[in-house]
Amino acid sequence: MSEPTTTTLDTLQIGQSATVRRVGGDGAVRRRLMDMGLVNGVQIEMIRPAPLGDPVAYKVRGYRLSLRKSEAHLIEVEV
């Protein structure tokens, strides 16, 4: 079995799942992401990008969440 790799959320492909390891960003942005359920250890799956590629829909904690790629880039995940 291969070792998990660490990357950022914006690099996931459609249908790919990962585990959140760290949420970056400055105060208010970081707090908002964490309030939406993006905390260490939570599973997240990339569902699909919008027609023009941004924002991207993710499934987290049983609901769909849309994030801009710039926001997704702040979230470190383990694939």
N, C-alpha and C. Protein backbone atom coordinates (compact mmCIF):
# COMPACT_ATOMS: atom_id res chain seq x y z
N MET A 1 0.85 -1.18 0.00
CA MET A 1 0.00 0.00 0.00
C MET A 1 0.89 1.25 0.00
N SER A 2 0.57 2.20 -0.83
CA SER A 2 1.39 3.40 -0.93
C SER A 2 1.10 4.36 0.22
N GLU A 3 2.10 5.17 0.52
CA GLU A 3 1.94 6.16 1.59
C GLU A 3 1.07 7.31 1.11
N PRO A 4 0.27 7.89 2.01
CA PRO A 4 -0.55 9.03 1.62
C PRO A 4 0.33 10.23 1.23
N THR A 5 -0.15 10.99 0.27
CA THR A 5 0.58 12.18 -0.14
C THR A 5 -0.18 13.42 0.30
N THR A 6 0.55 14.47 0.60
CA THR A 6 -0.05 15.72 1.03
C THR A 6 -0.03 16.70 -0.13
N THR A 7 -1.18 17.36 -0.33
CA THR A 7 -1.33 18.35 -1.39
C THR A 7 -2.35 19.38 -0.92
N THR A 8 -2.81 20.23 -1.81
CA THR A 8 -3.85 21.18 -1.45
C THR A 8 -5.17 20.76 -2.11
N LEU A 9 -6.26 21.20 -1.53
CA LEU A 9 -7.60 20.80 -1.96
C LEU A 9 -7.88 21.13 -3.43
N ASP A 10 -7.32 22.21 -3.94
CA ASP A 10 -7.59 22.62 -5.32
C ASP A 10 -7.00 21.68 -6.36
N THR A 11 -6.17 20.71 -5.95
CA THR A 11 -5.55 19.79 -6.91
C THR A 11 -6.32 18.48 -7.07
N LEU A 12 -7.37 18.27 -6.27
CA LEU A 12 -8.15 17.03 -6.38
C LEU A 12 -8.86 16.94 -7.72
N GLN A 13 -9.04 15.70 -8.19
CA GLN A 13 -9.76 15.44 -9.43
C GLN A 13 -11.19 15.03 -9.09
N ILE A 14 -12.08 15.04 -10.08
CA ILE A 14 -13.49 14.67 -9.87
C ILE A 14 -13.57 13.28 -9.26
N GLY A 15 -14.32 13.16 -8.16
CA GLY A 15 -14.52 11.89 -7.49
C GLY A 15 -13.43 11.50 -6.51
N GLN A 16 -12.36 12.26 -6.46
CA GLN A 16 -11.25 11.94 -5.57
C GLN A 16 -11.55 12.43 -4.15
N SER A 17 -11.23 11.61 -3.17
CA SER A 17 -11.44 11.95 -1.76
C SER A 17 -10.11 12.20 -1.07
N ALA A 18 -10.17 12.96 0.01
CA ALA A 18 -8.97 13.26 0.78
C ALA A 18 -9.38 13.57 2.22
N THR A 19 -8.39 13.66 3.09
CA THR A 19 -8.60 14.01 4.48
C THR A 19 -7.94 15.36 4.75
N VAL A 20 -8.69 16.27 5.34
CA VAL A 20 -8.16 17.60 5.65
C VAL A 20 -7.10 17.45 6.74
N ARG A 21 -5.94 18.06 6.53
CA ARG A 21 -4.85 18.03 7.50
C ARG A 21 -4.56 19.39 8.11
N ARG A 22 -4.80 20.47 7.37
CA ARG A 22 -4.51 21.81 7.89
C ARG A 22 -5.30 22.84 7.10
N VAL A 23 -5.82 23.84 7.79
CA VAL A 23 -6.52 24.94 7.14
C VAL A 23 -5.67 26.18 7.33
N GLY A 24 -5.24 26.78 6.22
CA GLY A 24 -4.41 27.97 6.27
C GLY A 24 -5.25 29.23 6.10
N GLY A 25 -4.59 30.31 5.78
CA GLY A 25 -5.29 31.58 5.57
C GLY A 25 -5.20 32.49 6.77
N ASP A 26 -5.65 33.70 6.58
CA ASP A 26 -5.65 34.70 7.64
C ASP A 26 -6.92 34.60 8.47
N GLY A 27 -6.88 35.14 9.65
CA GLY A 27 -7.96 35.13 10.63
C GLY A 27 -9.36 34.85 10.16
N ALA A 28 -10.01 35.84 9.51
CA ALA A 28 -11.42 35.72 9.14
C ALA A 28 -11.65 34.64 8.09
N VAL A 29 -10.76 34.52 7.13
CA VAL A 29 -10.90 33.51 6.08
C VAL A 29 -10.76 32.12 6.68
N ARG A 30 -9.76 31.93 7.49
CA ARG A 30 -9.52 30.64 8.15
C ARG A 30 -10.70 30.26 9.03
N ARG A 31 -11.19 31.21 9.80
CA ARG A 31 -12.33 30.98 10.70
C ARG A 31 -13.57 30.57 9.90
N ARG A 32 -13.82 31.24 8.78
CA ARG A 32 -14.99 30.94 7.95
C ARG A 32 -14.89 29.52 7.38
N LEU A 33 -13.71 29.14 6.89
CA LEU A 33 -13.52 27.79 6.36
C LEU A 33 -13.75 26.74 7.45
N MET A 34 -13.25 27.00 8.63
CA MET A 34 -13.42 26.06 9.73
C MET A 34 -14.89 26.01 10.18
N ASP A 35 -15.57 27.13 10.15
CA ASP A 35 -17.00 27.16 10.49
C ASP A 35 -17.84 26.35 9.51
N MET A 36 -17.35 26.21 8.28
CA MET A 36 -18.05 25.42 7.27
C MET A 36 -17.76 23.92 7.41
N GLY A 37 -16.98 23.55 8.42
CA GLY A 37 -16.72 22.14 8.67
C GLY A 37 -15.38 21.63 8.18
N LEU A 38 -14.54 22.50 7.67
CA LEU A 38 -13.23 22.09 7.17
C LEU A 38 -12.22 22.14 8.30
N VAL A 39 -12.15 21.04 9.04
CA VAL A 39 -11.24 20.94 10.17
C VAL A 39 -10.38 19.69 10.01
N ASN A 40 -9.30 19.61 10.75
CA ASN A 40 -8.38 18.49 10.67
C ASN A 40 -9.11 17.15 10.86
N GLY A 41 -8.87 16.22 9.95
CA GLY A 41 -9.42 14.87 10.06
C GLY A 41 -10.71 14.62 9.29
N VAL A 42 -11.36 15.65 8.78
CA VAL A 42 -12.63 15.46 8.07
C VAL A 42 -12.37 14.99 6.63
N GLN A 43 -13.23 14.08 6.15
CA GLN A 43 -13.14 13.59 4.77
C GLN A 43 -13.82 14.58 3.83
N ILE A 44 -13.23 14.78 2.66
CA ILE A 44 -13.80 15.68 1.67
C ILE A 44 -13.63 15.07 0.29
N GLU A 45 -14.63 15.24 -0.57
CA GLU A 45 -14.60 14.68 -1.92
C GLU A 45 -14.88 15.78 -2.93
N MET A 46 -14.09 15.81 -3.99
CA MET A 46 -14.33 16.78 -5.07
C MET A 46 -15.45 16.24 -5.94
N ILE A 47 -16.52 17.01 -6.09
CA ILE A 47 -17.67 16.57 -6.89
C ILE A 47 -17.52 17.02 -8.33
N ARG A 48 -17.41 18.33 -8.53
CA ARG A 48 -17.23 18.84 -9.90
C ARG A 48 -16.97 20.34 -9.88
N PRO A 49 -16.29 20.81 -10.91
CA PRO A 49 -16.09 22.26 -11.04
C PRO A 49 -17.30 22.90 -11.72
N ALA A 50 -17.45 24.19 -11.56
CA ALA A 50 -18.48 24.94 -12.29
C ALA A 50 -18.11 24.92 -13.78
N PRO A 51 -19.05 25.24 -14.66
CA PRO A 51 -18.76 25.21 -16.10
C PRO A 51 -17.52 25.99 -16.53
N LEU A 52 -17.20 27.08 -15.87
CA LEU A 52 -16.00 27.84 -16.23
C LEU A 52 -14.81 27.49 -15.34
N GLY A 53 -14.96 26.46 -14.50
CA GLY A 53 -13.85 25.98 -13.69
C GLY A 53 -13.77 26.52 -12.27
N ASP A 54 -14.48 27.57 -11.96
CA ASP A 54 -14.40 28.17 -10.63
C ASP A 54 -15.75 28.75 -10.26
N PRO A 55 -16.37 28.44 -9.16
CA PRO A 55 -15.90 27.65 -8.03
C PRO A 55 -16.00 26.15 -8.28
N VAL A 56 -15.61 25.38 -7.26
CA VAL A 56 -15.63 23.91 -7.34
C VAL A 56 -16.52 23.39 -6.22
N ALA A 57 -17.33 22.36 -6.53
CA ALA A 57 -18.22 21.76 -5.54
C ALA A 57 -17.53 20.59 -4.86
N TYR A 58 -17.63 20.54 -3.53
CA TYR A 58 -17.06 19.47 -2.73
C TYR A 58 -18.15 18.89 -1.84
N LYS A 59 -18.00 17.63 -1.46
CA LYS A 59 -18.91 17.00 -0.50
C LYS A 59 -18.14 16.85 0.80
N VAL A 60 -18.67 17.45 1.85
CA VAL A 60 -18.03 17.40 3.16
C VAL A 60 -19.12 17.28 4.23
N ARG A 61 -18.97 16.32 5.12
CA ARG A 61 -19.93 16.12 6.21
C ARG A 61 -21.37 15.98 5.74
N GLY A 62 -21.56 15.37 4.58
CA GLY A 62 -22.90 15.10 4.07
C GLY A 62 -23.57 16.24 3.33
N TYR A 63 -22.89 17.34 3.10
CA TYR A 63 -23.48 18.43 2.32
C TYR A 63 -22.51 18.90 1.25
N ARG A 64 -23.03 19.66 0.29
CA ARG A 64 -22.20 20.20 -0.79
C ARG A 64 -21.73 21.60 -0.42
N LEU A 65 -20.47 21.82 -0.69
CA LEU A 65 -19.83 23.09 -0.37
C LEU A 65 -19.11 23.59 -1.61
N SER A 66 -19.35 24.82 -1.99
CA SER A 66 -18.65 25.42 -3.14
C SER A 66 -17.56 26.36 -2.63
N LEU A 67 -16.37 26.15 -3.15
CA LEU A 67 -15.24 26.99 -2.78
C LEU A 67 -14.54 27.50 -4.02
N ARG A 68 -14.04 28.73 -3.94
CA ARG A 68 -13.20 29.25 -5.01
C ARG A 68 -11.88 28.49 -4.96
N LYS A 69 -11.20 28.41 -6.10
CA LYS A 69 -9.91 27.71 -6.13
C LYS A 69 -8.91 28.39 -5.20
N SER A 70 -9.00 29.70 -5.08
CA SER A 70 -8.07 30.41 -4.19
C SER A 70 -8.30 30.02 -2.73
N GLU A 71 -9.55 29.73 -2.35
CA GLU A 71 -9.85 29.27 -0.99
C GLU A 71 -9.40 27.82 -0.82
N ALA A 72 -9.67 26.98 -1.83
CA ALA A 72 -9.30 25.57 -1.76
C ALA A 72 -7.79 25.41 -1.66
N HIS A 73 -7.05 26.34 -2.23
CA HIS A 73 -5.59 26.27 -2.19
C HIS A 73 -5.05 26.45 -0.77
N LEU A 74 -5.84 27.02 0.13
CA LEU A 74 -5.43 27.24 1.52
C LEU A 74 -5.56 26.00 2.38
N ILE A 75 -6.22 24.95 1.85
CA ILE A 75 -6.52 23.76 2.64
C ILE A 75 -5.59 22.63 2.24
N GLU A 76 -4.80 22.18 3.20
CA GLU A 76 -3.87 21.08 2.97
C GLU A 76 -4.59 19.77 3.26
N VAL A 77 -4.51 18.83 2.30
CA VAL A 77 -5.19 17.55 2.45
C VAL A 77 -4.21 16.39 2.22
N GLU A 78 -4.60 15.23 2.73
CA GLU A 78 -3.85 14.00 2.55
C GLU A 78 -4.67 13.08 1.66
N VAL A 79 -4.11 12.68 0.54
CA VAL A 79 -4.82 11.84 -0.42
C VAL A 79 -4.51 10.38 -0.15
